[in-house]
PDB file of all heavy atoms in Angstrom:
ATOM      1  N   LYS A   1     184.023  73.749 360.256  1.00  0.00           N
ATOM      2  CA  LYS A   1     184.982  72.862 359.545  1.00  0.00           C
ATOM      3  C   LYS A   1     184.285  72.330 358.274  1.00  0.00           C
ATOM      4  O   LYS A   1     183.056  72.371 358.137  1.00  0.00           O
ATOM      5  CB  LYS A   1     185.368  71.684 360.450  1.00  0.00           C
ATOM      6  CG  LYS A   1     184.213  70.733 360.769  1.00  0.00           C
ATOM      7  CD  LYS A   1     184.670  69.593 361.701  1.00  0.00           C
ATOM      8  CE  LYS A   1     185.659  68.667 361.090  1.00  0.00           C
ATOM      9  NZ  LYS A   1     185.994  67.511 361.921  1.00  0.00           N
ATOM     10  N   PHE A   2     185.095  71.800 357.382  1.00  0.00           N
ATOM     11  CA  PHE A   2     184.598  71.199 356.168  1.00  0.00           C
ATOM     12  C   PHE A   2     184.516  69.698 356.323  1.00  0.00           C
ATOM     13  O   PHE A   2     185.401  69.060 356.911  1.00  0.00           O
ATOM     14  CB  PHE A   2     185.467  71.548 354.966  1.00  0.00           C
ATOM     15  CG  PHE A   2     185.211  72.898 354.387  1.00  0.00           C
ATOM     16  CD1 PHE A   2     186.165  73.906 354.524  1.00  0.00           C
ATOM     17  CD2 PHE A   2     184.040  73.191 353.718  1.00  0.00           C
ATOM     18  CE1 PHE A   2     185.945  75.179 353.996  1.00  0.00           C
ATOM     19  CE2 PHE A   2     183.802  74.439 353.182  1.00  0.00           C
ATOM     20  CZ  PHE A   2     184.777  75.447 353.336  1.00  0.00           C
ATOM     21  N   VAL A   3     183.466  69.115 355.759  1.00  0.00           N
ATOM     22  CA  VAL A   3     183.376  67.642 355.611  1.00  0.00           C
ATOM     23  C   VAL A   3     182.883  67.345 354.229  1.00  0.00           C
ATOM     24  O   VAL A   3     182.211  68.194 353.603  1.00  0.00           O
ATOM     25  CB  VAL A   3     182.402  66.994 356.651  1.00  0.00           C
ATOM     26  CG1 VAL A   3     182.949  67.115 358.062  1.00  0.00           C
ATOM     27  CG2 VAL A   3     181.024  67.560 356.541  1.00  0.00           C
ATOM     28  N   SER A   4     183.205  66.190 353.703  1.00  0.00           N
ATOM     29  CA  SER A   4     182.680  65.782 352.381  1.00  0.00           C
ATOM     30  C   SER A   4     181.989  64.424 352.527  1.00  0.00           C
ATOM     31  O   SER A   4     182.377  63.619 353.328  1.00  0.00           O
ATOM     32  CB  SER A   4     183.815  65.693 351.359  1.00  0.00           C
ATOM     33  OG  SER A   4     184.722  64.655 351.664  1.00  0.00           O
ATOM     34  N   PHE A   5     180.901  64.282 351.727  1.00  0.00           N
ATOM     35  CA  PHE A   5     180.165  63.044 351.709  1.00  0.00           C
ATOM     36  C   PHE A   5     180.178  62.462 350.342  1.00  0.00           C
ATOM     37  O   PHE A   5     180.108  63.196 349.342  1.00  0.00           O
ATOM     38  CB  PHE A   5     178.739  63.295 352.172  1.00  0.00           C
ATOM     39  CG  PHE A   5     178.606  63.840 353.550  1.00  0.00           C
ATOM     40  CD1 PHE A   5     178.427  65.231 353.741  1.00  0.00           C
ATOM     41  CD2 PHE A   5     178.636  63.058 354.659  1.00  0.00           C
ATOM     42  CE1 PHE A   5     178.280  65.758 355.039  1.00  0.00           C
ATOM     43  CE2 PHE A   5     178.516  63.570 355.934  1.00  0.00           C
ATOM     44  CZ  PHE A   5     178.367  64.928 356.130  1.00  0.00           C
ATOM     45  N   ASP A   6     180.244  61.179 350.245  1.00  0.00           N
ATOM     46  CA  ASP A   6     180.186  60.461 348.985  1.00  0.00           C
ATOM     47  C   ASP A   6     178.984  59.535 349.003  1.00  0.00           C
ATOM     48  O   ASP A   6     178.783  58.769 349.955  1.00  0.00           O
ATOM     49  CB  ASP A   6     181.486  59.635 348.740  1.00  0.00           C
ATOM     50  CG  ASP A   6     181.427  58.896 347.452  1.00  0.00           C
ATOM     51  OD1 ASP A   6     181.525  59.570 346.365  1.00  0.00           O
ATOM     52  OD2 ASP A   6     181.322  57.651 347.450  1.00  0.00           O
ATOM     53  N   ILE A   7     178.172  59.618 347.957  1.00  0.00           N
ATOM     54  CA  ILE A   7     177.023  58.748 347.841  1.00  0.00           C
ATOM     55  C   ILE A   7     177.436  57.428 347.224  1.00  0.00           C
ATOM     56  O   ILE A   7     177.932  57.400 346.096  1.00  0.00           O
ATOM     57  CB  ILE A   7     175.884  59.388 347.022  1.00  0.00           C
ATOM     58  CG1 ILE A   7     175.527  60.760 347.597  1.00  0.00           C
ATOM     59  CG2 ILE A   7     174.659  58.502 347.035  1.00  0.00           C
ATOM     60  CD1 ILE A   7     174.589  61.586 346.740  1.00  0.00           C
ATOM     61  N   LYS A   8     177.232  56.351 347.917  1.00  0.00           N
ATOM     62  CA  LYS A   8     177.704  55.025 347.465  1.00  0.00           C
ATOM     63  C   LYS A   8     176.851  54.526 346.295  1.00  0.00           C
ATOM     64  O   LYS A   8     175.628  54.510 346.378  1.00  0.00           O
ATOM     65  CB  LYS A   8     177.640  54.008 348.629  1.00  0.00           C
ATOM     66  CG  LYS A   8     178.594  54.356 349.758  1.00  0.00           C
ATOM     67  CD  LYS A   8     178.341  53.478 350.974  1.00  0.00           C
ATOM     68  CE  LYS A   8     178.629  52.022 350.675  1.00  0.00           C
ATOM     69  NZ  LYS A   8     178.462  51.196 351.941  1.00  0.00           N
ATOM     70  N   ASP A   9     177.540  54.150 345.203  1.00  0.00           N
ATOM     71  CA  ASP A   9     176.836  53.523 344.055  1.00  0.00           C
ATOM     72  C   ASP A   9     175.576  54.281 343.662  1.00  0.00           C
ATOM     73  O   ASP A   9     174.473  53.772 343.599  1.00  0.00           O
ATOM     74  CB  ASP A   9     176.467  52.072 344.366  1.00  0.00           C
ATOM     75  CG  ASP A   9     177.677  51.257 344.704  1.00  0.00           C
ATOM     76  OD1 ASP A   9     178.768  51.551 344.210  1.00  0.00           O
ATOM     77  OD2 ASP A   9     177.528  50.311 345.509  1.00  0.00           O
ATOM     78  N   LEU A  10     175.750  55.595 343.349  1.00  0.00           N
ATOM     79  CA  LEU A  10     174.576  56.463 343.156  1.00  0.00           C
ATOM     80  C   LEU A  10     173.614  55.981 342.053  1.00  0.00           C
ATOM     81  O   LEU A  10     172.435  55.753 342.280  1.00  0.00           O
ATOM     82  CB  LEU A  10     175.050  57.883 342.890  1.00  0.00           C
ATOM     83  CG  LEU A  10     173.887  58.897 342.603  1.00  0.00           C
ATOM     84  CD1 LEU A  10     172.902  58.939 343.739  1.00  0.00           C
ATOM     85  CD2 LEU A  10     174.504  60.287 342.318  1.00  0.00           C
ATOM     86  N   TYR A  11     174.166  55.824 340.825  1.00  0.00           N
ATOM     87  CA  TYR A  11     173.260  55.510 339.694  1.00  0.00           C
ATOM     88  C   TYR A  11     172.508  54.136 339.909  1.00  0.00           C
ATOM     89  O   TYR A  11     171.314  54.094 339.681  1.00  0.00           O
ATOM     90  CB  TYR A  11     174.065  55.481 338.397  1.00  0.00           C
ATOM     91  CG  TYR A  11     174.283  56.857 337.793  1.00  0.00           C
ATOM     92  CD1 TYR A  11     175.322  57.665 338.296  1.00  0.00           C
ATOM     93  CD2 TYR A  11     173.466  57.356 336.795  1.00  0.00           C
ATOM     94  CE1 TYR A  11     175.515  58.929 337.764  1.00  0.00           C
ATOM     95  CE2 TYR A  11     173.680  58.632 336.270  1.00  0.00           C
ATOM     96  CZ  TYR A  11     174.720  59.423 336.769  1.00  0.00           C
ATOM     97  OH  TYR A  11     174.876  60.659 336.250  1.00  0.00           O
ATOM     98  N   PRO A  12     173.243  53.066 340.326  1.00  0.00           N
ATOM     99  CA  PRO A  12     172.491  51.831 340.547  1.00  0.00           C
ATOM    100  C   PRO A  12     171.536  51.865 341.740  1.00  0.00           C
ATOM    101  O   PRO A  12     170.703  50.967 341.902  1.00  0.00           O
ATOM    102  CB  PRO A  12     173.600  50.790 340.827  1.00  0.00           C
ATOM    103  CG  PRO A  12     174.838  51.436 340.263  1.00  0.00           C
ATOM    104  CD  PRO A  12     174.690  52.885 340.468  1.00  0.00           C
ATOM    105  N   SER A  13     171.646  52.937 342.572  1.00  0.00           N
ATOM    106  CA  SER A  13     170.776  53.020 343.759  1.00  0.00           C
ATOM    107  C   SER A  13     169.525  53.878 343.545  1.00  0.00           C
ATOM    108  O   SER A  13     168.651  53.913 344.405  1.00  0.00           O
ATOM    109  CB  SER A  13     171.586  53.654 344.916  1.00  0.00           C
ATOM    110  OG  SER A  13     172.715  52.838 345.211  1.00  0.00           O
ATOM    111  N   ILE A  14     169.455  54.566 342.395  1.00  0.00           N
ATOM    112  CA  ILE A  14     168.281  55.433 342.179  1.00  0.00           C
ATOM    113  C   ILE A  14     167.030  54.570 341.967  1.00  0.00           C
ATOM    114  O   ILE A  14     167.009  53.691 341.055  1.00  0.00           O
ATOM    115  CB  ILE A  14     168.494  56.323 340.904  1.00  0.00           C
ATOM    116  CG1 ILE A  14     169.708  57.219 341.102  1.00  0.00           C
ATOM    117  CG2 ILE A  14     167.233  57.141 340.621  1.00  0.00           C
ATOM    118  CD1 ILE A  14     169.573  58.243 342.167  1.00  0.00           C
ATOM    119  N   PRO A  15     165.975  54.764 342.735  1.00  0.00           N
ATOM    120  CA  PRO A  15     164.710  53.979 342.550  1.00  0.00           C
ATOM    121  C   PRO A  15     163.960  54.480 341.333  1.00  0.00           C
ATOM    122  O   PRO A  15     163.411  55.590 341.312  1.00  0.00           O
ATOM    123  CB  PRO A  15     163.936  54.269 343.861  1.00  0.00           C
ATOM    124  CG  PRO A  15     164.446  55.617 344.331  1.00  0.00           C
ATOM    125  CD  PRO A  15     165.866  55.738 343.877  1.00  0.00           C
ATOM    126  N   THR A  16     163.954  53.690 340.294  1.00  0.00           N
ATOM    127  CA  THR A  16     163.409  54.135 338.980  1.00  0.00           C
ATOM    128  C   THR A  16     161.907  54.421 339.038  1.00  0.00           C
ATOM    129  O   THR A  16     161.430  55.431 338.507  1.00  0.00           O
ATOM    130  CB  THR A  16     163.695  53.106 337.900  1.00  0.00           C
ATOM    131  OG1 THR A  16     163.270  51.831 338.316  1.00  0.00           O
ATOM    132  CG2 THR A  16     165.202  53.061 337.590  1.00  0.00           C
ATOM    133  N   ILE A  17     161.135  53.552 339.704  1.00  0.00           N
ATOM    134  CA  ILE A  17     159.671  53.750 339.757  1.00  0.00           C
ATOM    135  C   ILE A  17     159.346  55.083 340.482  1.00  0.00           C
ATOM    136  O   ILE A  17     158.521  55.860 340.005  1.00  0.00           O
ATOM    137  CB  ILE A  17     158.990  52.580 340.452  1.00  0.00           C
ATOM    138  CG1 ILE A  17     159.162  51.297 339.603  1.00  0.00           C
ATOM    139  CG2 ILE A  17     157.514  52.851 340.653  1.00  0.00           C
ATOM    140  CD1 ILE A  17     158.638  50.054 340.272  1.00  0.00           C
ATOM    141  N   GLU A  18     160.019  55.297 341.584  1.00  0.00           N
ATOM    142  CA  GLU A  18     159.789  56.533 342.346  1.00  0.00           C
ATOM    143  C   GLU A  18     160.192  57.763 341.555  1.00  0.00           C
ATOM    144  O   GLU A  18     159.518  58.778 341.569  1.00  0.00           O
ATOM    145  CB  GLU A  18     160.596  56.452 343.636  1.00  0.00           C
ATOM    146  CG  GLU A  18     160.385  57.574 344.628  1.00  0.00           C
ATOM    147  CD  GLU A  18     161.181  57.370 345.895  1.00  0.00           C
ATOM    148  OE1 GLU A  18     161.439  56.233 346.288  1.00  0.00           O
ATOM    149  OE2 GLU A  18     161.536  58.393 346.525  1.00  0.00           O
ATOM    150  N   THR A  19     161.324  57.636 340.805  1.00  0.00           N
ATOM    151  CA  THR A  19     161.814  58.780 340.028  1.00  0.00           C
ATOM    152  C   THR A  19     160.865  59.094 338.874  1.00  0.00           C
ATOM    153  O   THR A  19     160.604  60.279 338.605  1.00  0.00           O
ATOM    154  CB  THR A  19     163.215  58.495 339.524  1.00  0.00           C
ATOM    155  OG1 THR A  19     164.060  58.193 340.638  1.00  0.00           O
ATOM    156  CG2 THR A  19     163.819  59.683 338.757  1.00  0.00           C
ATOM    157  N   ILE A  20     160.389  58.081 338.196  1.00  0.00           N
ATOM    158  CA  ILE A  20     159.468  58.287 337.095  1.00  0.00           C
ATOM    159  C   ILE A  20     158.167  58.964 337.581  1.00  0.00           C
ATOM    160  O   ILE A  20     157.636  59.905 336.945  1.00  0.00           O
ATOM    161  CB  ILE A  20     159.100  56.943 336.408  1.00  0.00           C
ATOM    162  CG1 ILE A  20     160.308  56.411 335.616  1.00  0.00           C
ATOM    163  CG2 ILE A  20     157.878  57.099 335.474  1.00  0.00           C
ATOM    164  CD1 ILE A  20     160.120  55.048 335.047  1.00  0.00           C
ATOM    165  N   LYS A  21     157.725  58.588 338.771  1.00  0.00           N
ATOM    166  CA  LYS A  21     156.500  59.232 339.357  1.00  0.00           C
ATOM    167  C   LYS A  21     156.783  60.714 339.615  1.00  0.00           C
ATOM    168  O   LYS A  21     155.919  61.570 339.358  1.00  0.00           O
ATOM    169  CB  LYS A  21     156.160  58.522 340.640  1.00  0.00           C
ATOM    170  CG  LYS A  21     154.862  59.027 341.257  1.00  0.00           C
ATOM    171  CD  LYS A  21     154.488  58.247 342.537  1.00  0.00           C
ATOM    172  CE  LYS A  21     153.213  58.791 343.171  1.00  0.00           C
ATOM    173  NZ  LYS A  21     152.838  58.067 344.404  1.00  0.00           N
ATOM    174  N   THR A  22     157.984  61.029 340.100  1.00  0.00           N
ATOM    175  CA  THR A  22     158.344  62.434 340.365  1.00  0.00           C
ATOM    176  C   THR A  22     158.402  63.226 339.036  1.00  0.00           C
ATOM    177  O   THR A  22     157.905  64.352 338.991  1.00  0.00           O
ATOM    178  CB  THR A  22     159.718  62.511 341.070  1.00  0.00           C
ATOM    179  OG1 THR A  22     159.678  61.765 342.263  1.00  0.00           O
ATOM    180  CG2 THR A  22     160.099  63.961 341.374  1.00  0.00           C
ATOM    181  N   VAL A  23     158.995  62.633 338.013  1.00  0.00           N
ATOM    182  CA  VAL A  23     159.042  63.270 336.695  1.00  0.00           C
ATOM    183  C   VAL A  23     157.650  63.573 336.218  1.00  0.00           C
ATOM    184  O   VAL A  23     157.366  64.665 335.695  1.00  0.00           O
ATOM    185  CB  VAL A  23     159.826  62.369 335.689  1.00  0.00           C
ATOM    186  CG1 VAL A  23     159.629  62.911 334.276  1.00  0.00           C
ATOM    187  CG2 VAL A  23     161.271  62.274 336.040  1.00  0.00           C
ATOM    188  N   GLN A  24     156.748  62.594 336.363  1.00  0.00           N
ATOM    189  CA  GLN A  24     155.370  62.747 335.906  1.00  0.00           C
ATOM    190  C   GLN A  24     154.695  63.909 336.629  1.00  0.00           C
ATOM    191  O   GLN A  24     154.019  64.743 335.994  1.00  0.00           O
ATOM    192  CB  GLN A  24     154.587  61.482 336.165  1.00  0.00           C
ATOM    193  CG  GLN A  24     153.184  61.505 335.602  1.00  0.00           C
ATOM    194  CD  GLN A  24     152.525  60.123 335.687  1.00  0.00           C
ATOM    195  OE1 GLN A  24     153.004  59.249 336.386  1.00  0.00           O
ATOM    196  NE2 GLN A  24     151.414  59.941 335.021  1.00  0.00           N
TER     197      GLN A  24
END
């Protein structure tokens, strides 16, 4: 069967410090 998921408030939920470390 198919199911769909929605990520709640995606952009405001992104952890910036963690993401910058990943980019680095």
